[in-house]
Amino acid sequence: MDTIAQNVEATSGQAGRKAHELRHPPRYLVSAMLAGAYIGVGEVLLLAGISPFVAEGSAATALLEGAVFPIALTIVMFAGAQLFTSNVMVMLVGALSGRTGVRDLVLSWTLSLVGNLAGAFSFGAMAHASGVTSSPSARAMLAEMVRGKTALDGGQLFWRAVLCNMLVCLAVWMFTRARGDVARIIVLWLPVAVFVAVGFEHCVANMALFSLAILDGSAGFGELFRNLMFTVPGNIVGGGLLVGAVYWFLGGARHEGRALPRR
């Protein structure tokens, strides 16, 4: 396993590669669309596979949701795609390390967020047309999940988003440190399972969920954008500041090859 300082260097290297990819915005946008679609896979799996347990009132529902949804981030990481919530951490570490600039950070965050939304909605449209989420139990679960999210006030959405992306970016951070595919899968799975089971807020997962609900008629675009208004900033704070900036500091606060003195 790499040291923290080595992982900061590896993460800033990832930021540099992402900045290079930004020279081709259409490709970057398509990669972000793939990430949105892959997160949508997790939401469809929840509705198709877990809704029967919800309909039966199973006490294990939350744990089952946590057990299956991490497949979405696993696909993103192994297939390769631009996910906004992990780009928050990677690009901030790159900017703090001097490997990339503020322009790269803003452009990466913007393109990945827009692309994730487009990909989530496109995948949701295909899933809706396929009928895999049309069973009574799936539709009831979808409507209940959306009602639960719309009932939260802005502060609750923000702090749940902070905690969510802290866990997601910890998963990505550990994925980079780990050696071997099995170890990487495990360290991806555990933090994401926690955020899903507890009920934290991931803006891209919400894009996928609300897209399905909009197509099903149980939500509107206004409810989606209200959710994103609080969850996007919360995800930035949780992944960027609480993970990216903190580990950059713990790794020696390196900038352009110079390190701050260690105590």
Foldseek 3Di string as FASTA:
>chain_A
DDDLLVLLVVLLVVLLVLLVVVVPLVVQLQLLLVLLLLLLVLLLCLLLPLLVCVVVVPPCSLLVSLQRNLSSVVCCVVVPGQALLLLLQSNLSNCLQAVDHPVSSVSSNVSSVVSSLNNLLVNLVVVVVVCSQVDPSSLVVLLVLLVVLLPDDLVQLLQLLLQLSLLQNQLVSVLSVDDDPVSNSVSSSVSSSVSRSVPGDDLSNLSNSVSNCVVVVSDDPVSNVVSCVRNVVSSSCNNHVVPRVVSCVVSQSHYPRDGDDDD
